Amino acid sequence: MKIAEILDILEIMAPLGYAEDFDNVGLLTGSAATDATGILVCHDALEQVIDEAIAASCNLVVCFHPILFSGLKKITGKNYVERAVIKAIKNDIAIYAVHTALDNHSQGVNKIFADALGLINTKILVPKEGFIRKLVTYTIAENHIQLRNALFNAGAGSIGNYQNCSFNSTGLGTYQGNEFSNPEVGQRGEFTEANEIKIEVTFEKHLEAKILKALFANHVYEEVAYEIYTLQNRHQNIGLGIIGELAEPLDEHTFLEFAKQKIKAGGIRHSAFTGKPIKKVALLGGSGSFAIKNAIAAGADAYLTADLKYHQFYEAEGKLLLADVGHYESERYTADYIAKYLSENIKDIAIRVSGIDTNPVKYV
């Protein structure tokens, strides 16, 4: 099995198009054309994890955090990032990162976090913006069903819990081809009026190339007229964070102890108690200070995230309990989730979860 085949499976789990623009996901080192000898799944692809992969004959390391995040101008081994990259390259080990591609998936990092706490009635806390686009095109009646179905098959027309969604309207199109044209209806050089059907479908932006390929392959016109717009609608099934409910409300102290036990946190920093029971819980794995206002607006009684600074605890303003549970802790179960997914979809290659604790934060 080629590494490329495994990467295709991983992208079904966490489409790279879901990732945030600032992120660096996908294949970071190595060649996808190489035969896979084994897969090691980890949280952070540090140098000691690469050593672990070498010892286990795994030439593909699937990590959550990308070891290469910002650009490298030199690779001399002077820091932990460069040393890990050098060792991976020297030993023909491919490194693949999922990070915010899995963060933004409705069944990804934050759903895993929510499931660990037993939250029910969950939905996305910060739905993704600028991700839905609309294609508008025009064709003759004899072509519109074939063309529309091809667009559906390419991934267009999915809205929330619905598929094969489109809007179709009829109108009169006009054109006049020059001496080099080859019109489907009418003759070159002749002003032509044709009854046409306008097809409108929405699609997720990372599918644009696939949608356009289907459009051109199935349209009968020599020159295909089409328009693409970015919509303002938020994508309710893609985005960061989760908000849900506990089966039964808990007092604040009991809730924090419960969360600490479930994610095996060494400690939880939190804002002042509000005196209100905790029923509605918002959470966001990793650095989530940017979504405090979203949690408040959603009516959360508590918001669990990580990497909060001193002054950010003031932003709770008595409206909710704000808790920093730890970056690694909030994403603790991600590697197990990835390994389970791969094991369910790959049968002939050994898949291991790293036994190395890469959490850089320690507690007394």
Protein backbone atom coordinates (compact mmCIF):
# COMPACT_ATOMS: atom_id res chain seq x y z
CA MET A 1 0.00 0.00 0.00
CA LYS A 2 1.39 3.38 -0.99
CA ILE A 3 1.52 6.21 1.52
CA ALA A 4 -0.61 8.18 -0.95
CA GLU A 5 -3.47 5.70 -0.48
CA ILE A 6 -3.32 6.19 3.28
CA LEU A 7 -3.32 9.96 2.87
CA ASP A 8 -6.50 9.69 0.77
CA ILE A 9 -8.12 7.80 3.67
CA LEU A 10 -6.93 10.42 6.15
CA GLU A 11 -8.36 13.22 4.05
CA ILE A 12 -11.80 11.63 4.22
CA MET A 13 -11.51 11.78 8.01
CA ALA A 14 -10.14 15.34 8.00
CA PRO A 15 -10.41 17.13 4.62
CA LEU A 16 -7.44 19.46 4.25
CA GLY A 17 -9.80 22.09 2.85
CA TYR A 18 -11.35 22.38 6.33
CA ALA A 19 -8.08 23.68 7.81
CA GLU A 20 -7.62 27.30 8.81
CA ASP A 21 -5.64 29.48 6.40
CA PHE A 22 -2.83 30.03 8.93
CA ASP A 23 -2.28 26.30 9.41
CA ASN A 24 0.21 23.91 7.82
CA VAL A 25 -1.57 20.59 7.35
CA GLY A 26 -0.99 17.63 5.05
CA LEU A 27 2.24 15.90 4.04
CA LEU A 28 5.16 17.75 5.65
CA THR A 29 8.09 15.44 4.84
CA GLY A 30 8.61 12.36 2.68
CA SER A 31 7.16 11.04 -0.54
CA ALA A 32 3.58 9.87 -0.95
CA ALA A 33 4.78 7.45 -3.66
CA THR A 34 6.66 5.34 -1.08
CA ASP A 35 5.34 1.94 0.06
CA ALA A 36 4.06 2.17 3.63
CA THR A 37 5.74 -0.11 6.17
CA GLY A 38 3.81 1.01 9.24
CA ILE A 39 1.96 3.96 10.76
CA LEU A 40 2.74 5.69 14.05
CA VAL A 41 0.08 8.09 15.32
CA CYS A 42 1.11 10.81 17.76
CA HIS A 43 0.18 14.21 19.10
CA ASP A 44 3.49 15.93 18.31
CA ALA A 45 6.12 14.57 15.92
CA LEU A 46 9.13 15.33 18.11
CA GLU A 47 12.58 13.83 17.61
CA GLN A 48 11.98 11.06 20.16
CA VAL A 49 8.75 10.15 18.35
CA ILE A 50 10.71 9.82 15.10
CA ASP A 51 13.12 7.51 16.99
CA GLU A 52 10.09 5.49 18.09
CA ALA A 53 8.89 5.25 14.48
CA ILE A 54 12.31 4.07 13.31
CA ALA A 55 12.44 1.38 16.01
CA ALA A 56 8.94 0.19 15.08
CA SER A 57 9.64 0.21 11.29
CA CYS A 58 6.92 2.82 10.72
CA ASN A 59 7.72 5.11 7.80
CA LEU A 60 4.57 7.23 8.17
CA VAL A 61 4.01 9.40 11.24
CA VAL A 62 0.53 10.88 11.49
CA CYS A 63 0.56 13.74 13.98
CA PHE A 64 -2.04 16.18 15.23
CA HIS A 65 0.13 19.29 15.57
CA PRO A 66 2.31 20.08 12.53
CA ILE A 67 5.98 19.96 13.50
CA LEU A 68 6.55 22.43 10.64
CA PHE A 69 4.28 25.36 11.38
CA SER A 70 6.09 28.52 10.31
CA GLY A 71 8.67 28.75 7.57
CA LEU A 72 12.22 27.47 8.04
CA LYS A 73 15.02 29.43 6.37
CA LYS A 74 17.76 27.09 7.60
CA ILE A 75 17.77 23.46 8.72
CA THR A 76 20.87 23.03 10.85
CA GLY A 77 19.51 21.09 13.81
CA LYS A 78 19.71 24.03 16.20
CA ASN A 79 16.23 23.47 17.68
CA TYR A 80 13.71 20.68 18.31
CA VAL A 81 11.81 21.33 15.07
CA GLU A 82 14.86 21.15 12.83
CA ARG A 83 16.20 18.05 14.59
CA ALA A 84 12.93 16.19 14.11
CA VAL A 85 12.74 17.15 10.43
CA ILE A 86 16.35 16.18 9.75
CA LYS A 87 15.92 12.79 11.41
CA ALA A 88 12.68 12.12 9.50
CA ILE A 89 14.26 12.97 6.15
CA LYS A 90 17.42 10.98 6.82
CA ASN A 91 15.33 7.91 7.64
CA ASP A 92 12.78 8.30 4.80
CA ILE A 93 9.91 8.91 7.20
CA ALA A 94 6.86 10.79 5.99
CA ILE A 95 5.14 13.14 8.45
CA TYR A 96 1.49 14.06 7.92
CA ALA A 97 -0.39 16.58 10.11
CA VAL A 98 -4.16 17.01 10.47
CA HIS A 99 -4.49 19.83 13.07
CA THR A 100 -7.27 22.31 12.23
CA ALA A 101 -8.58 20.09 9.43
CA LEU A 102 -9.71 17.79 12.25
CA ASP A 103 -10.50 20.70 14.60
CA ASN A 104 -13.11 21.98 12.16
CA HIS A 105 -14.73 18.60 11.47
CA SER A 106 -18.07 18.05 13.20
CA GLN A 107 -16.86 14.65 14.44
CA GLY A 108 -13.31 15.79 15.14
CA VAL A 109 -11.29 17.13 18.05
CA ASN A 110 -14.05 19.04 19.79
CA LYS A 111 -16.66 16.31 19.40
CA ILE A 112 -14.13 13.88 20.92
CA PHE A 113 -13.67 16.34 23.82
CA ALA A 114 -17.44 16.72 24.19
CA ASP A 115 -17.99 12.97 24.15
CA ALA A 116 -15.40 12.55 26.92
CA LEU A 117 -17.56 14.85 29.05
CA GLY A 118 -20.78 13.10 27.99
CA LEU A 119 -22.32 16.21 26.42
CA ILE A 120 -25.61 15.78 24.55
CA ASN A 121 -27.50 17.95 22.03
CA THR A 122 -24.21 19.22 20.64
CA LYS A 123 -23.64 21.69 17.82
CA ILE A 124 -20.77 23.75 16.42
CA LEU A 125 -19.82 26.73 18.61
CA VAL A 126 -18.14 28.85 15.88
CA PRO A 127 -19.52 27.82 12.47
CA LYS A 128 -17.06 28.38 9.62
CA GLU A 129 -17.56 31.55 7.58
CA GLY A 130 -16.70 32.18 3.94
CA PHE A 131 -16.70 28.47 3.21
CA ILE A 132 -19.90 28.10 1.17
CA ARG A 133 -19.86 29.09 -2.49
CA LYS A 134 -22.50 29.13 -5.19
CA LEU A 135 -22.14 28.07 -8.82
CA VAL A 136 -24.53 29.51 -11.38
CA THR A 137 -24.56 28.14 -14.92
CA TYR A 138 -26.86 27.98 -17.95
CA THR A 139 -27.64 25.18 -20.39
CA ILE A 140 -30.34 23.84 -22.68
CA ALA A 141 -33.13 21.62 -21.35
CA GLU A 142 -31.72 18.51 -23.04
CA ASN A 143 -28.51 18.84 -21.02
CA HIS A 144 -29.63 20.15 -17.65
CA ILE A 145 -30.40 16.84 -15.86
CA GLN A 146 -27.09 15.24 -16.88
CA LEU A 147 -25.20 18.39 -15.93
CA ARG A 148 -27.00 18.87 -12.62
CA ASN A 149 -26.46 15.24 -11.60
CA ALA A 150 -22.76 15.50 -12.47
CA LEU A 151 -22.49 18.54 -10.20
CA PHE A 152 -24.26 16.65 -7.42
CA ASN A 153 -21.88 13.71 -7.84
CA ALA A 154 -18.93 16.08 -7.54
CA GLY A 155 -20.19 17.28 -4.15
CA ALA A 156 -22.36 20.28 -5.03
CA GLY A 157 -25.83 20.73 -3.60
CA SER A 158 -25.19 19.60 -0.01
CA ILE A 159 -26.77 21.87 2.60
CA GLY A 160 -26.75 20.74 6.24
CA ASN A 161 -28.71 17.50 6.40
CA TYR A 162 -29.82 17.71 2.75
CA GLN A 163 -28.22 16.60 -0.53
CA ASN A 164 -28.92 17.19 -4.24
CA CYS A 165 -30.18 20.73 -3.56
CA SER A 166 -30.44 23.15 -6.48
CA PHE A 167 -32.55 25.95 -7.87
CA ASN A 168 -33.58 25.81 -11.52
CA SER A 169 -35.26 28.51 -13.56
CA THR A 170 -35.98 29.03 -17.24
CA GLY A 171 -35.09 31.99 -19.39
CA LEU A 172 -34.10 33.17 -22.83
CA GLY A 173 -30.41 33.19 -23.73
CA THR A 174 -28.92 34.98 -26.72
CA TYR A 175 -25.59 34.73 -28.53
CA GLN A 176 -23.92 35.11 -31.88
CA GLY A 177 -20.79 33.11 -32.68
CA ASN A 178 -17.99 34.28 -34.94
CA GLU A 179 -16.55 32.38 -37.91
CA PHE A 180 -14.51 30.13 -35.60
CA SER A 181 -17.41 29.15 -33.31
CA ASN A 182 -19.18 25.80 -33.19
CA PRO A 183 -22.52 26.45 -31.44
CA GLU A 184 -24.63 23.59 -30.06
CA VAL A 185 -27.80 25.44 -31.08
CA GLY A 186 -27.96 27.74 -34.12
CA GLN A 187 -25.36 28.56 -36.75
CA ARG A 188 -22.09 30.48 -36.59
CA GLY A 189 -22.51 34.14 -37.46
CA GLU A 190 -26.22 33.93 -36.74
CA PHE A 191 -27.93 35.77 -33.88
CA THR A 192 -29.55 32.99 -31.85
CA GLU A 193 -32.18 32.90 -29.13
CA ALA A 194 -32.30 29.70 -27.07
CA ASN A 195 -34.52 28.58 -24.23
CA GLU A 196 -32.13 27.82 -21.37
CA ILE A 197 -32.26 26.53 -17.82
CA LYS A 198 -30.33 28.34 -15.12
CA ILE A 199 -28.88 25.97 -12.51
CA GLU A 200 -27.76 27.23 -9.11
CA VAL A 201 -25.95 24.97 -6.61
CA THR A 202 -23.92 25.61 -3.48
CA PHE A 203 -20.70 23.79 -2.60
CA GLU A 204 -17.87 23.80 -0.05
CA LYS A 205 -15.00 25.92 -1.34
CA HIS A 206 -12.36 23.17 -1.26
CA LEU A 207 -14.43 21.28 -3.86
CA GLU A 208 -14.24 24.07 -6.45
CA ALA A 209 -11.74 22.38 -8.78
CA LYS A 210 -13.75 19.14 -8.71
CA ILE A 211 -17.02 21.01 -9.34
CA LEU A 212 -15.58 22.92 -12.31
CA LYS A 213 -14.13 19.73 -13.79
CA ALA A 214 -17.61 18.16 -13.67
CA LEU A 215 -19.13 21.32 -15.17
CA PHE A 216 -16.82 21.39 -18.18
CA ALA A 217 -16.96 17.63 -18.74
CA ASN A 218 -20.76 17.50 -18.82
CA HIS A 219 -21.77 20.80 -20.42
CA VAL A 220 -22.69 20.70 -24.11
CA TYR A 221 -21.74 24.30 -24.89
CA GLU A 222 -18.46 25.17 -26.58
CA GLU A 223 -18.12 28.16 -24.26
CA VAL A 224 -19.49 27.48 -20.77
CA ALA A 225 -20.96 30.51 -19.02
CA TYR A 226 -20.78 30.27 -15.24
CA GLU A 227 -20.44 32.43 -12.14
CA ILE A 228 -19.09 31.62 -8.67
CA TYR A 229 -19.98 33.59 -5.54
CA THR A 230 -18.82 33.36 -1.94
CA LEU A 231 -21.87 33.33 0.32
CA GLN A 232 -22.18 34.93 3.76
CA ASN A 233 -23.92 31.87 5.20
CA ARG A 234 -22.10 30.12 8.03
CA HIS A 235 -21.50 26.40 7.60
CA GLN A 236 -23.35 24.87 10.54
CA ASN A 237 -21.58 21.48 10.24
CA ILE A 238 -18.00 22.77 9.96
CA GLY A 239 -16.28 24.99 12.48
CA LEU A 240 -14.45 25.30 15.77
CA GLY A 241 -15.66 24.33 19.20
CA ILE A 242 -18.75 22.55 20.46
CA ILE A 243 -21.63 23.57 22.68
CA GLY A 244 -23.83 20.98 24.34
CA GLU A 245 -25.49 19.99 27.60
CA LEU A 246 -24.72 17.78 30.55
CA ALA A 247 -27.33 15.11 31.20
CA GLU A 248 -27.79 16.59 34.70
CA PRO A 249 -26.62 19.97 36.02
CA LEU A 250 -23.63 20.11 38.37
CA ASP A 251 -22.44 22.76 40.78
CA GLU A 252 -19.33 24.56 39.59
CA HIS A 253 -16.82 22.86 41.86
CA THR A 254 -18.18 19.39 41.11
CA PHE A 255 -18.18 20.17 37.39
CA LEU A 256 -14.51 21.20 37.39
CA GLU A 257 -13.53 18.08 39.32
CA PHE A 258 -15.56 16.01 36.86
CA ALA A 259 -13.85 17.64 33.85
CA LYS A 260 -10.42 17.28 35.47
CA GLN A 261 -10.97 13.55 35.97
CA LYS A 262 -12.37 12.94 32.48
CA ILE A 263 -9.47 14.56 30.62
CA LYS A 264 -6.80 13.65 33.20
CA ALA A 265 -5.82 17.28 33.73
CA GLY A 266 -2.99 18.11 36.12
CA GLY A 267 -4.92 21.18 37.20
CA ILE A 268 -7.56 23.63 35.96
CA ARG A 269 -7.27 27.41 36.15
CA HIS A 270 -10.66 29.10 36.23
CA SER A 271 -12.47 32.39 36.66
CA ALA A 272 -14.52 33.28 39.73
CA PHE A 273 -17.50 31.07 40.42
CA THR A 274 -20.82 32.56 39.32
CA GLY A 275 -22.91 30.62 41.82
CA LYS A 276 -25.02 29.14 39.00
CA PRO A 277 -25.31 25.41 38.21
CA ILE A 278 -23.52 24.13 35.11
CA LYS A 279 -25.81 22.62 32.49
CA LYS A 280 -24.85 24.15 29.13
CA VAL A 281 -21.16 23.69 28.32
CA ALA A 282 -19.07 25.20 25.52
CA LEU A 283 -15.60 23.90 24.76
CA LEU A 284 -12.80 24.33 22.26
CA GLY A 285 -9.71 22.14 22.22
CA GLY A 286 -6.39 23.98 22.12
CA SER A 287 -6.08 27.78 22.18
CA GLY A 288 -9.64 29.10 22.34
CA SER A 289 -9.59 32.55 23.93
CA PHE A 290 -10.97 34.03 20.69
CA ALA A 291 -14.28 32.22 21.25
CA ILE A 292 -15.08 33.44 24.77
CA LYS A 293 -17.65 35.88 23.36
CA ASN A 294 -19.16 33.07 21.25
CA ALA A 295 -19.60 30.94 24.36
CA ILE A 296 -21.27 33.80 26.22
CA ALA A 297 -23.54 34.59 23.26
CA ALA A 298 -24.55 30.92 23.05
CA GLY A 299 -25.69 31.00 26.67
CA ALA A 300 -23.04 28.63 28.02
CA ASP A 301 -22.76 28.21 31.78
CA ALA A 302 -19.12 27.16 31.37
CA TYR A 303 -16.47 27.39 28.67
CA LEU A 304 -13.55 24.95 28.67
CA THR A 305 -10.49 25.71 26.54
CA ALA A 306 -6.75 26.32 26.93
CA ASP A 307 -3.92 28.87 26.81
CA LEU A 308 -5.88 31.66 28.50
CA LYS A 309 -3.92 34.73 29.58
CA TYR A 310 -4.38 36.60 32.84
CA HIS A 311 -6.61 39.39 31.53
CA GLN A 312 -8.74 37.01 29.46
CA PHE A 313 -10.23 35.54 32.63
CA TYR A 314 -11.83 38.95 33.24
CA GLU A 315 -13.84 38.46 30.05
CA ALA A 316 -16.06 35.96 31.87
CA GLU A 317 -17.62 39.03 33.59
CA GLY A 318 -19.69 36.81 35.86
CA LYS A 319 -21.67 35.49 32.90
CA LEU A 320 -20.08 32.04 32.80
CA LEU A 321 -17.36 29.92 34.34
CA LEU A 322 -14.22 30.21 32.23
CA ALA A 323 -11.76 27.32 32.60
CA ASP A 324 -8.28 26.65 31.19
CA VAL A 325 -7.95 22.87 31.24
CA GLY A 326 -4.61 22.64 29.41
CA HIS A 327 -3.79 22.53 25.70
CA TYR A 328 -2.66 18.92 25.51
CA GLU A 329 -5.40 17.77 27.89
CA SER A 330 -8.17 19.28 25.78
CA GLU A 331 -6.89 17.32 22.76
CA ARG A 332 -5.82 14.23 24.72
CA TYR A 333 -7.91 11.63 22.89
CA THR A 334 -7.16 12.79 19.35
CA ALA A 335 -4.35 10.32 18.60
CA ASP A 336 -6.49 7.39 19.76
CA TYR A 337 -9.33 8.61 17.54
CA ILE A 338 -7.06 8.82 14.46
CA ALA A 339 -5.57 5.38 15.12
CA LYS A 340 -9.02 3.84 15.54
CA TYR A 341 -10.19 5.40 12.30
CA LEU A 342 -7.15 4.10 10.42
CA SER A 343 -7.55 0.62 11.90
CA GLU A 344 -11.14 0.51 10.68
CA ASN A 345 -10.10 1.45 7.16
CA ILE A 346 -6.69 -0.22 6.74
CA LYS A 347 -6.21 -3.92 7.41
CA ASP A 348 -2.75 -4.93 6.18
CA ILE A 349 -0.45 -2.35 7.79
CA ALA A 350 0.55 -2.09 11.43
CA ILE A 351 -0.87 0.98 13.17
CA ARG A 352 0.53 2.12 16.50
CA VAL A 353 -0.20 4.95 18.92
CA SER A 354 2.94 6.61 20.23
CA GLY A 355 3.78 5.76 23.82
CA ILE A 356 5.69 9.00 24.33
CA ASP A 357 4.12 11.79 26.37
CA THR A 358 4.76 14.93 24.33
CA ASN A 359 2.92 17.31 26.68
CA PRO A 360 5.51 20.03 27.44
CA VAL A 361 3.55 21.29 30.46
CA LYS A 362 4.15 19.55 33.79
CA TYR A 363 2.42 19.93 37.16
CA VAL A 364 3.70 19.64 40.72
